[in-house]
Amino acid sequence: MIHGSGEVLAKLLFRKDEEHETIVEYAASASEVGILVWSLLASKDYNDAESLLLGELDRNFDFEVYDTGWEFFYALEKMSDEELFNHGYSREQIWEGERRLVAILMDKCGLRE
């Protein structure tokens, strides 16, 4: 399981072995988050991509990352139920992710649901 964007970056860019425990403090830029999310989507790691995306938005809200979130969930919506299921994901997770995007934005704007 991927625990943070620094570890994701190390894994993808430096082929870091997950067996070695390293603490990496790193605030990813919006473009780096987007690259990581799309890389994880391409490798069919939908859950890791969602965790990275929503975690980054919770930590460091950015409208560019927020837009990436909507594009990410839209890309998942276009997939078949079978494709999603084969990679440990579901339509319900898409809808829940979209609800979380709205909740994060409302929270950042000081609005309540």
N, C-alpha and C. Protein backbone atom coordinates (compact mmCIF):
# COMPACT_ATOMS: atom_id res chain seq x y z
N MET A 1 0.84 -1.18 0.00
CA MET A 1 0.00 0.00 0.00
C MET A 1 0.88 1.24 0.00
N ILE A 2 0.48 2.20 -0.72
CA ILE A 2 1.25 3.43 -0.83
C ILE A 2 0.76 4.39 0.24
N HIS A 3 1.68 4.95 1.02
CA HIS A 3 1.31 5.76 2.17
C HIS A 3 1.51 7.26 1.97
N GLY A 4 2.02 7.70 0.89
CA GLY A 4 2.22 9.13 0.69
C GLY A 4 2.80 9.43 -0.66
N SER A 5 2.64 10.67 -1.08
CA SER A 5 3.11 11.02 -2.41
C SER A 5 4.62 10.91 -2.55
N GLY A 6 5.36 11.13 -1.47
CA GLY A 6 6.82 10.96 -1.53
C GLY A 6 7.20 9.53 -1.83
N GLU A 7 6.49 8.59 -1.21
CA GLU A 7 6.78 7.18 -1.46
C GLU A 7 6.35 6.78 -2.87
N VAL A 8 5.23 7.33 -3.34
CA VAL A 8 4.78 7.06 -4.70
C VAL A 8 5.81 7.55 -5.69
N LEU A 9 6.28 8.78 -5.47
CA LEU A 9 7.29 9.36 -6.35
C LEU A 9 8.55 8.51 -6.36
N ALA A 10 8.99 8.08 -5.18
CA ALA A 10 10.19 7.23 -5.10
C ALA A 10 9.96 5.91 -5.82
N LYS A 11 8.78 5.34 -5.65
CA LYS A 11 8.47 4.04 -6.28
C LYS A 11 8.45 4.16 -7.80
N LEU A 12 7.76 5.19 -8.31
CA LEU A 12 7.61 5.33 -9.76
C LEU A 12 8.86 5.84 -10.46
N LEU A 13 9.50 6.84 -9.88
CA LEU A 13 10.63 7.45 -10.56
C LEU A 13 11.96 6.76 -10.30
N PHE A 14 12.13 6.26 -9.08
CA PHE A 14 13.41 5.69 -8.71
C PHE A 14 13.36 4.18 -8.53
N ARG A 15 12.21 3.59 -8.85
CA ARG A 15 12.03 2.15 -8.72
C ARG A 15 12.42 1.67 -7.32
N LYS A 16 12.02 2.48 -6.33
CA LYS A 16 12.32 2.18 -4.94
C LYS A 16 11.64 0.88 -4.54
N ASP A 17 12.37 0.02 -3.90
CA ASP A 17 11.85 -1.25 -3.42
C ASP A 17 11.01 -1.00 -2.18
N GLU A 18 9.77 -1.53 -2.14
CA GLU A 18 8.87 -1.29 -1.02
C GLU A 18 9.36 -1.94 0.27
N GLU A 19 10.31 -2.86 0.21
CA GLU A 19 10.80 -3.53 1.40
C GLU A 19 11.63 -2.60 2.28
N HIS A 20 12.20 -1.56 1.70
CA HIS A 20 13.01 -0.62 2.46
C HIS A 20 12.13 0.51 2.97
N GLU A 21 12.13 0.68 4.27
CA GLU A 21 11.30 1.70 4.91
C GLU A 21 12.06 3.02 4.92
N THR A 22 11.52 4.04 4.26
CA THR A 22 12.11 5.35 4.23
C THR A 22 11.03 6.38 4.45
N ILE A 23 11.30 7.35 5.30
CA ILE A 23 10.34 8.41 5.51
C ILE A 23 10.72 9.56 4.60
N VAL A 24 9.79 9.95 3.75
CA VAL A 24 10.04 11.03 2.80
C VAL A 24 9.02 12.12 3.05
N GLU A 25 9.47 13.29 3.43
CA GLU A 25 8.60 14.44 3.58
C GLU A 25 8.67 15.22 2.28
N TYR A 26 7.56 15.30 1.57
CA TYR A 26 7.58 15.93 0.27
C TYR A 26 6.19 16.46 -0.05
N ALA A 27 6.08 17.69 -0.40
CA ALA A 27 4.82 18.28 -0.82
C ALA A 27 4.83 18.31 -2.34
N ALA A 28 4.03 17.47 -2.94
CA ALA A 28 4.01 17.37 -4.40
C ALA A 28 3.29 18.57 -5.01
N SER A 29 3.76 19.00 -6.16
CA SER A 29 3.08 20.07 -6.89
C SER A 29 1.85 19.47 -7.57
N ALA A 30 0.96 20.34 -8.00
CA ALA A 30 -0.26 19.88 -8.67
C ALA A 30 0.07 19.07 -9.91
N SER A 31 1.07 19.48 -10.67
CA SER A 31 1.41 18.73 -11.88
C SER A 31 2.00 17.36 -11.53
N GLU A 32 2.78 17.30 -10.45
CA GLU A 32 3.34 16.01 -10.04
C GLU A 32 2.23 15.07 -9.56
N VAL A 33 1.26 15.60 -8.83
CA VAL A 33 0.14 14.79 -8.39
C VAL A 33 -0.60 14.25 -9.61
N GLY A 34 -0.83 15.12 -10.59
CA GLY A 34 -1.52 14.68 -11.81
C GLY A 34 -0.76 13.58 -12.52
N ILE A 35 0.54 13.73 -12.64
CA ILE A 35 1.36 12.70 -13.30
C ILE A 35 1.26 11.38 -12.55
N LEU A 36 1.35 11.45 -11.23
CA LEU A 36 1.27 10.23 -10.42
C LEU A 36 -0.10 9.57 -10.53
N VAL A 37 -1.17 10.37 -10.47
CA VAL A 37 -2.53 9.82 -10.58
C VAL A 37 -2.72 9.14 -11.92
N TRP A 38 -2.31 9.81 -13.01
CA TRP A 38 -2.50 9.22 -14.34
C TRP A 38 -1.60 8.00 -14.54
N SER A 39 -0.41 8.00 -13.94
CA SER A 39 0.47 6.83 -14.02
C SER A 39 -0.16 5.64 -13.31
N LEU A 40 -0.72 5.89 -12.13
CA LEU A 40 -1.38 4.81 -11.39
C LEU A 40 -2.62 4.33 -12.12
N LEU A 41 -3.37 5.24 -12.73
CA LEU A 41 -4.54 4.85 -13.52
C LEU A 41 -4.12 3.97 -14.69
N ALA A 42 -3.06 4.37 -15.38
CA ALA A 42 -2.57 3.59 -16.53
C ALA A 42 -2.10 2.20 -16.11
N SER A 43 -1.56 2.09 -14.89
CA SER A 43 -1.12 0.78 -14.41
C SER A 43 -2.24 0.03 -13.70
N LYS A 44 -3.44 0.58 -13.77
CA LYS A 44 -4.66 -0.02 -13.23
C LYS A 44 -4.66 -0.15 -11.71
N ASP A 45 -3.94 0.74 -11.05
CA ASP A 45 -3.93 0.82 -9.59
C ASP A 45 -4.94 1.89 -9.16
N TYR A 46 -6.22 1.60 -9.42
CA TYR A 46 -7.27 2.59 -9.20
C TYR A 46 -7.39 3.02 -7.74
N ASN A 47 -7.31 2.07 -6.82
CA ASN A 47 -7.42 2.42 -5.40
C ASN A 47 -6.27 3.29 -4.94
N ASP A 48 -5.04 2.98 -5.36
CA ASP A 48 -3.89 3.79 -4.98
C ASP A 48 -3.99 5.20 -5.58
N ALA A 49 -4.47 5.28 -6.82
CA ALA A 49 -4.62 6.59 -7.46
C ALA A 49 -5.64 7.43 -6.69
N GLU A 50 -6.75 6.82 -6.32
CA GLU A 50 -7.78 7.54 -5.57
C GLU A 50 -7.24 7.99 -4.21
N SER A 51 -6.55 7.10 -3.51
CA SER A 51 -6.00 7.44 -2.20
C SER A 51 -5.02 8.60 -2.29
N LEU A 52 -4.15 8.56 -3.29
CA LEU A 52 -3.19 9.64 -3.49
C LEU A 52 -3.91 10.96 -3.76
N LEU A 53 -4.83 10.92 -4.69
CA LEU A 53 -5.56 12.12 -5.09
C LEU A 53 -6.30 12.75 -3.92
N LEU A 54 -7.13 11.97 -3.25
CA LEU A 54 -7.94 12.51 -2.16
C LEU A 54 -7.08 12.91 -0.96
N GLY A 55 -6.03 12.15 -0.72
CA GLY A 55 -5.12 12.49 0.37
C GLY A 55 -4.42 13.82 0.12
N GLU A 56 -3.98 14.03 -1.11
CA GLU A 56 -3.33 15.31 -1.46
C GLU A 56 -4.31 16.46 -1.32
N LEU A 57 -5.55 16.26 -1.76
CA LEU A 57 -6.53 17.32 -1.63
C LEU A 57 -6.83 17.65 -0.18
N ASP A 58 -6.88 16.64 0.67
CA ASP A 58 -7.09 16.87 2.10
C ASP A 58 -5.94 17.65 2.71
N ARG A 59 -4.71 17.32 2.31
CA ARG A 59 -3.52 17.97 2.88
C ARG A 59 -3.27 19.35 2.30
N ASN A 60 -3.31 19.45 0.99
CA ASN A 60 -2.93 20.69 0.30
C ASN A 60 -3.91 20.96 -0.83
N PHE A 61 -5.06 21.54 -0.51
CA PHE A 61 -6.07 21.77 -1.55
C PHE A 61 -5.51 22.66 -2.65
N ASP A 62 -5.77 22.25 -3.88
CA ASP A 62 -5.34 22.99 -5.07
C ASP A 62 -6.39 22.74 -6.15
N PHE A 63 -6.85 23.82 -6.81
CA PHE A 63 -7.90 23.66 -7.81
C PHE A 63 -7.45 22.80 -8.99
N GLU A 64 -6.17 22.83 -9.33
CA GLU A 64 -5.67 22.00 -10.42
C GLU A 64 -5.78 20.52 -10.05
N VAL A 65 -5.45 20.19 -8.83
CA VAL A 65 -5.58 18.81 -8.35
C VAL A 65 -7.06 18.43 -8.28
N TYR A 66 -7.89 19.38 -7.85
CA TYR A 66 -9.33 19.15 -7.79
C TYR A 66 -9.87 18.81 -9.18
N ASP A 67 -9.46 19.56 -10.19
CA ASP A 67 -9.86 19.27 -11.58
C ASP A 67 -9.37 17.89 -12.01
N THR A 68 -8.15 17.55 -11.62
CA THR A 68 -7.63 16.21 -11.93
C THR A 68 -8.52 15.15 -11.31
N GLY A 69 -9.05 15.42 -10.13
CA GLY A 69 -9.96 14.49 -9.47
C GLY A 69 -11.19 14.22 -10.29
N TRP A 70 -11.81 15.26 -10.81
CA TRP A 70 -13.00 15.07 -11.64
C TRP A 70 -12.67 14.32 -12.92
N GLU A 71 -11.54 14.65 -13.53
CA GLU A 71 -11.12 13.94 -14.74
C GLU A 71 -10.84 12.47 -14.45
N PHE A 72 -10.22 12.20 -13.31
CA PHE A 72 -9.92 10.83 -12.89
C PHE A 72 -11.21 10.02 -12.73
N PHE A 73 -12.18 10.55 -11.98
CA PHE A 73 -13.42 9.81 -11.77
C PHE A 73 -14.22 9.68 -13.06
N TYR A 74 -14.14 10.67 -13.95
CA TYR A 74 -14.80 10.57 -15.24
C TYR A 74 -14.19 9.44 -16.07
N ALA A 75 -12.87 9.33 -16.03
CA ALA A 75 -12.19 8.24 -16.76
C ALA A 75 -12.65 6.89 -16.22
N LEU A 76 -12.80 6.78 -14.91
CA LEU A 76 -13.28 5.53 -14.32
C LEU A 76 -14.73 5.25 -14.71
N GLU A 77 -15.56 6.29 -14.75
CA GLU A 77 -16.97 6.13 -15.12
C GLU A 77 -17.13 5.53 -16.51
N LYS A 78 -16.20 5.85 -17.41
CA LYS A 78 -16.28 5.35 -18.79
C LYS A 78 -15.91 3.87 -18.91
N MET A 79 -15.31 3.31 -17.85
CA MET A 79 -14.90 1.90 -17.88
C MET A 79 -16.08 0.99 -17.60
N SER A 80 -15.96 -0.23 -18.09
CA SER A 80 -17.02 -1.22 -17.83
C SER A 80 -16.96 -1.69 -16.39
N ASP A 81 -18.08 -2.21 -15.91
CA ASP A 81 -18.12 -2.77 -14.56
C ASP A 81 -17.11 -3.91 -14.42
N GLU A 82 -16.96 -4.68 -15.48
CA GLU A 82 -16.02 -5.80 -15.45
C GLU A 82 -14.58 -5.31 -15.30
N GLU A 83 -14.22 -4.28 -16.04
CA GLU A 83 -12.87 -3.70 -15.95
C GLU A 83 -12.61 -3.21 -14.53
N LEU A 84 -13.56 -2.48 -13.98
CA LEU A 84 -13.41 -1.98 -12.62
C LEU A 84 -13.26 -3.14 -11.63
N PHE A 85 -14.15 -4.12 -11.72
CA PHE A 85 -14.15 -5.27 -10.82
C PHE A 85 -12.83 -6.04 -10.89
N ASN A 86 -12.33 -6.22 -12.10
CA ASN A 86 -11.08 -6.98 -12.29
C ASN A 86 -9.88 -6.31 -11.62
N HIS A 87 -10.02 -5.03 -11.30
CA HIS A 87 -8.91 -4.31 -10.67
C HIS A 87 -9.30 -3.78 -9.28
N GLY A 88 -10.29 -4.46 -8.66
CA GLY A 88 -10.64 -4.17 -7.27
C GLY A 88 -11.34 -2.84 -7.04
N TYR A 89 -12.14 -2.42 -8.01
CA TYR A 89 -12.83 -1.14 -7.89
C TYR A 89 -14.29 -1.33 -8.28
N SER A 90 -15.14 -0.36 -7.94
CA SER A 90 -16.57 -0.50 -8.26
C SER A 90 -17.18 0.86 -8.58
N ARG A 91 -18.36 0.82 -9.18
CA ARG A 91 -19.11 2.05 -9.46
C ARG A 91 -19.39 2.82 -8.16
N GLU A 92 -19.72 2.08 -7.11
CA GLU A 92 -20.00 2.71 -5.83
C GLU A 92 -18.80 3.50 -5.32
N GLN A 93 -17.59 2.98 -5.56
CA GLN A 93 -16.39 3.70 -5.15
C GLN A 93 -16.22 4.99 -5.96
N ILE A 94 -16.60 4.95 -7.23
CA ILE A 94 -16.55 6.17 -8.06
C ILE A 94 -17.48 7.21 -7.46
N TRP A 95 -18.72 6.81 -7.17
CA TRP A 95 -19.70 7.76 -6.64
C TRP A 95 -19.25 8.30 -5.28
N GLU A 96 -18.70 7.43 -4.44
CA GLU A 96 -18.21 7.87 -3.14
C GLU A 96 -17.04 8.85 -3.31
N GLY A 97 -16.16 8.58 -4.25
CA GLY A 97 -15.04 9.48 -4.53
C GLY A 97 -15.52 10.84 -4.99
N GLU A 98 -16.53 10.86 -5.85
CA GLU A 98 -17.08 12.13 -6.32
C GLU A 98 -17.74 12.89 -5.16
N ARG A 99 -18.42 12.18 -4.28
CA ARG A 99 -19.01 12.83 -3.10
C ARG A 99 -17.92 13.42 -2.21
N ARG A 100 -16.81 12.70 -2.08
CA ARG A 100 -15.69 13.22 -1.27
C ARG A 100 -15.09 14.47 -1.90
N LEU A 101 -15.01 14.50 -3.24
CA LEU A 101 -14.51 15.71 -3.90
C LEU A 101 -15.37 16.91 -3.56
N VAL A 102 -16.67 16.74 -3.63
CA VAL A 102 -17.59 17.83 -3.31
C VAL A 102 -17.42 18.23 -1.84
N ALA A 103 -17.34 17.25 -0.94
CA ALA A 103 -17.19 17.54 0.49
C ALA A 103 -15.88 18.28 0.77
N ILE A 104 -14.80 17.89 0.11
CA ILE A 104 -13.51 18.56 0.30
C ILE A 104 -13.62 20.01 -0.14
N LEU A 105 -14.22 20.25 -1.30
CA LEU A 105 -14.37 21.63 -1.79
C LEU A 105 -15.23 22.44 -0.83
N MET A 106 -16.34 21.89 -0.38
CA MET A 106 -17.22 22.61 0.54
C MET A 106 -16.49 22.93 1.84
N ASP A 107 -15.70 21.99 2.32
CA ASP A 107 -14.94 22.21 3.55
C ASP A 107 -13.91 23.33 3.35
N LYS A 108 -13.23 23.32 2.23
CA LYS A 108 -12.21 24.35 1.95
C LYS A 108 -12.85 25.73 1.77
N CYS A 109 -14.09 25.76 1.33
CA CYS A 109 -14.80 27.03 1.13
C CYS A 109 -15.56 27.46 2.39
N GLY A 110 -15.49 26.64 3.42
CA GLY A 110 -16.19 26.97 4.66
C GLY A 110 -17.67 26.69 4.63
N LEU A 111 -18.11 25.86 3.70
CA LEU A 111 -19.52 25.50 3.59
C LEU A 111 -19.75 24.13 4.19
N ARG A 112 -20.93 23.89 4.66
CA ARG A 112 -21.28 22.57 5.19
C ARG A 112 -22.33 21.94 4.32
N GLU A 113 -22.32 20.61 4.25
CA GLU A 113 -23.30 19.89 3.43
C GLU A 113 -24.68 19.96 4.05
